[in-house]
Amino acid sequence: MGRGKFKGKPTGHRHFSTPEELIAGTTATRPRTFSQVEAAEKVEEESEEELEEPSEKQKGAPGLIEINNPNLVKRKNLKARDVDIGKITELSRREREEIEKQKAHERYMKLQEQGKTEQSRKDIERLALIRQRRAEAAKKREEDKAGNVHLFACPLFASLHHFYIKVLMESKLEA
C-alpha cells in the first residue's frame, strides 16, 4: 500500500535499461531465463540493421522514428514511358453520375434553344404577349400625339390661355 494521503502518478517511475545493462545482465526487469549471450546477439543484430537502413533517408519525423504502419503505402512514381496506354480505367460512381448530369444538362439546353421544352414554350408565349402590349402602347402614343395639338408649346398661346382662365374665374365670382 501507498504511504500518505496522496496517490502517486499513474505512470509510476519508469526505469529503462541500457544495452550495456542488458549485456551485463544487471537489469531487474529481465526474465530469469534470459541469457547474456542472447542479449549480445540481439544488440549485434540491431546494430547491423541500423547500418543497412541509412541508405534511404526521409525528411521530418519519419526519418528519425521507425514506423511500422501496414496501412502506409509508399507512392509509386511512374514515368511517361512506363504508362500502359491500352489500359482502360473504370470511373467511380460519383464520376459517372457527374458526367451523366453534365450530358443531361447539355441536352436540355440544346432543346431549350430549339424551343422544344415546356419552359421555352412558356417563355415564347410570354414574350409574344409582351411584344403585343408594347406595340399597342406605341400605337396609342402615336394616336395621342396626332390627335393633340399642343397650343401651349408657344409662349404667346400659353399667356393667352392663362389670361382666358383668369377671365373665366372672375366672371364666375361676379355671378
Protein backbone atom coordinates (compact mmCIF):
# COMPACT_ATOMS: atom_id res chain seq x y z
CA MET A 1 0.00 0.00 0.00
CA GLY A 2 0.97 3.56 -0.62
CA ARG A 3 2.06 5.78 2.15
CA GLY A 4 0.45 9.08 2.93
CA LYS A 5 -2.61 10.89 1.79
CA PHE A 6 -1.81 11.36 -1.92
CA LYS A 7 -1.53 8.85 -4.73
CA GLY A 8 1.48 8.62 -6.92
CA LYS A 9 1.31 9.30 -10.63
CA PRO A 10 -0.40 6.55 -12.61
CA THR A 11 2.65 6.16 -14.84
CA GLY A 12 4.86 5.39 -11.90
CA HIS A 13 8.59 5.65 -12.01
CA ARG A 14 9.93 4.01 -15.11
CA HIS A 15 13.38 2.66 -15.48
CA PHE A 16 14.77 1.95 -18.93
CA SER A 17 17.66 -0.45 -19.32
CA THR A 18 20.62 0.48 -21.45
CA PRO A 19 22.15 -2.02 -23.88
CA GLU A 20 25.21 -2.27 -21.58
CA GLU A 21 22.99 -3.27 -18.64
CA LEU A 22 21.25 -5.86 -20.82
CA ILE A 23 24.60 -7.42 -21.81
CA ALA A 24 25.90 -7.34 -18.26
CA GLY A 25 22.64 -8.87 -17.00
CA THR A 26 22.20 -6.34 -14.23
CA THR A 27 18.62 -5.31 -15.01
CA ALA A 28 15.90 -6.13 -12.53
CA THR A 29 13.13 -6.34 -15.14
CA ARG A 30 14.60 -9.10 -17.33
CA PRO A 31 13.20 -12.62 -17.06
CA ARG A 32 15.38 -15.19 -15.31
CA THR A 33 15.67 -17.35 -18.43
CA PHE A 34 17.28 -14.52 -20.33
CA SER A 35 20.94 -15.20 -21.00
CA GLN A 36 23.71 -12.76 -21.62
CA VAL A 37 24.59 -14.44 -24.91
CA GLU A 38 21.11 -13.87 -26.38
CA ALA A 39 21.24 -10.25 -25.28
CA ALA A 40 24.58 -9.75 -27.00
CA GLU A 41 23.29 -11.35 -30.23
CA LYS A 42 20.22 -9.09 -30.25
CA VAL A 43 22.33 -5.98 -29.74
CA GLU A 44 24.62 -7.04 -32.63
CA GLU A 45 21.62 -7.71 -34.93
CA GLU A 46 20.17 -4.31 -34.12
CA SER A 47 23.46 -2.59 -34.85
CA GLU A 48 23.72 -4.43 -38.21
CA GLU A 49 20.17 -3.40 -39.15
CA GLU A 50 20.95 0.20 -38.28
CA LEU A 51 23.97 0.11 -40.58
CA GLU A 52 21.93 -1.20 -43.52
CA GLU A 53 18.99 1.23 -43.30
CA PRO A 54 20.59 4.68 -43.66
CA SER A 55 20.69 4.32 -47.47
CA GLU A 56 17.05 5.51 -47.57
CA LYS A 57 16.80 8.95 -45.94
CA GLN A 58 13.49 10.57 -45.19
CA LYS A 59 12.69 14.10 -44.12
CA GLY A 60 10.95 15.05 -40.91
CA ALA A 61 9.83 12.78 -38.09
CA PRO A 62 9.53 9.58 -40.20
CA GLY A 63 13.26 9.86 -40.89
CA LEU A 64 14.04 9.85 -37.17
CA ILE A 65 11.40 7.41 -35.96
CA GLU A 66 10.94 3.93 -37.30
CA ILE A 67 7.27 3.45 -38.18
CA ASN A 68 5.70 0.05 -38.72
CA ASN A 69 2.38 1.05 -40.22
CA PRO A 70 0.88 -1.59 -42.54
CA ASN A 71 -1.56 0.98 -43.95
CA LEU A 72 1.20 3.35 -45.01
CA VAL A 73 1.63 2.99 -48.76
CA LYS A 74 4.67 4.38 -50.48
CA ARG A 75 3.99 6.42 -53.60
CA LYS A 76 4.82 4.81 -56.89
CA ASN A 77 6.24 7.30 -59.36
CA LEU A 78 5.52 6.24 -62.91
CA LYS A 79 7.41 7.62 -65.84
CA ALA A 80 5.68 8.50 -69.08
CA ARG A 81 7.31 5.64 -70.97
CA ASP A 82 6.16 3.09 -68.35
CA VAL A 83 2.48 4.04 -68.50
CA ASP A 84 0.25 1.49 -70.21
CA ILE A 85 -1.77 3.38 -72.83
CA GLY A 86 -4.04 0.44 -73.64
CA LYS A 87 -5.19 0.11 -70.05
CA ILE A 88 -8.78 1.26 -69.56
CA THR A 89 -9.56 2.82 -66.21
CA GLU A 90 -13.07 2.49 -64.86
CA LEU A 91 -14.75 5.57 -63.47
CA SER A 92 -16.10 5.72 -59.97
CA ARG A 93 -19.83 6.01 -59.34
CA ARG A 94 -19.57 9.70 -58.49
CA GLU A 95 -17.58 10.45 -61.63
CA ARG A 96 -20.08 8.57 -63.79
CA GLU A 97 -23.01 10.41 -62.20
CA GLU A 98 -21.29 13.76 -62.70
CA ILE A 99 -20.67 13.04 -66.40
CA GLU A 100 -24.29 11.89 -66.88
CA LYS A 101 -25.51 15.05 -65.15
CA GLN A 102 -23.43 17.26 -67.46
CA LYS A 103 -24.66 15.44 -70.58
CA ALA A 104 -28.30 15.73 -69.47
CA HIS A 105 -27.85 19.46 -68.87
CA GLU A 106 -26.30 19.90 -72.35
CA ARG A 107 -29.21 18.01 -73.95
CA TYR A 108 -31.73 20.15 -72.07
CA MET A 109 -30.01 23.38 -73.10
CA LYS A 110 -29.96 22.27 -76.75
CA LEU A 111 -33.71 21.55 -76.63
CA GLN A 112 -34.25 24.86 -74.85
CA GLU A 113 -32.54 26.71 -77.71
CA GLN A 114 -34.70 24.89 -80.25
CA GLY A 115 -37.86 25.80 -78.30
CA LYS A 116 -38.96 22.22 -77.71
CA THR A 117 -39.16 22.24 -73.93
CA GLU A 118 -42.21 23.29 -71.93
CA GLN A 119 -40.35 26.11 -70.25
CA SER A 120 -39.15 27.54 -73.56
CA ARG A 121 -42.72 27.42 -74.95
CA LYS A 122 -43.99 29.37 -71.95
CA ASP A 123 -41.18 31.90 -72.38
CA ILE A 124 -42.00 32.36 -76.08
CA GLU A 125 -45.71 32.88 -75.29
CA ARG A 126 -44.84 35.40 -72.59
CA LEU A 127 -42.51 37.29 -74.95
CA ALA A 128 -45.18 37.38 -77.67
CA LEU A 129 -47.70 38.83 -75.18
CA ILE A 130 -45.20 41.48 -74.05
CA ARG A 131 -44.41 42.46 -77.65
CA GLN A 132 -48.12 42.77 -78.42
CA ARG A 133 -48.67 45.03 -75.38
CA ARG A 134 -45.72 47.20 -76.33
CA ALA A 135 -46.97 47.54 -79.92
CA GLU A 136 -50.44 48.57 -78.68
CA ALA A 137 -48.92 51.12 -76.29
CA ALA A 138 -46.78 52.58 -79.10
CA LYS A 139 -49.86 52.88 -81.37
CA LYS A 140 -51.79 54.60 -78.61
CA ARG A 141 -48.98 57.09 -78.02
CA GLU A 142 -48.79 57.97 -81.72
CA GLU A 143 -52.56 58.48 -81.89
CA ASP A 144 -52.41 60.78 -78.86
CA LYS A 145 -49.59 62.76 -80.46
CA ALA A 146 -51.51 63.09 -83.75
CA GLY A 147 -54.82 64.00 -82.02
CA ASN A 148 -53.50 66.52 -79.53
CA VAL A 149 -52.13 69.76 -80.84
CA HIS A 150 -50.02 71.40 -78.28
CA LEU A 151 -51.08 75.01 -78.32
CA PHE A 152 -49.13 75.77 -75.21
CA ALA A 153 -45.78 74.99 -76.75
CA CYS A 154 -45.59 78.59 -77.95
CA PRO A 155 -45.23 81.25 -75.17
CA LEU A 156 -47.83 83.53 -76.80
CA PHE A 157 -50.54 80.84 -76.67
CA ALA A 158 -49.61 79.99 -73.08
CA SER A 159 -50.06 83.59 -71.93
CA LEU A 160 -53.41 83.83 -73.78
CA HIS A 161 -54.58 80.63 -72.10
CA HIS A 162 -53.71 81.96 -68.64
CA PHE A 163 -55.49 85.20 -69.43
CA TYR A 164 -58.59 83.29 -70.61
CA ILE A 165 -58.65 81.19 -67.40
CA LYS A 166 -58.31 84.35 -65.31
CA VAL A 167 -61.29 85.99 -67.04
CA LEU A 168 -63.42 82.87 -66.56
CA MET A 169 -62.65 82.76 -62.83
CA GLU A 170 -63.54 86.45 -62.37
CA SER A 171 -66.82 86.01 -64.23
CA LYS A 172 -67.78 83.06 -62.03
CA LEU A 173 -67.00 85.06 -58.87
CA GLU A 174 -69.17 88.00 -60.01
CA ALA A 175 -72.09 85.77 -60.86
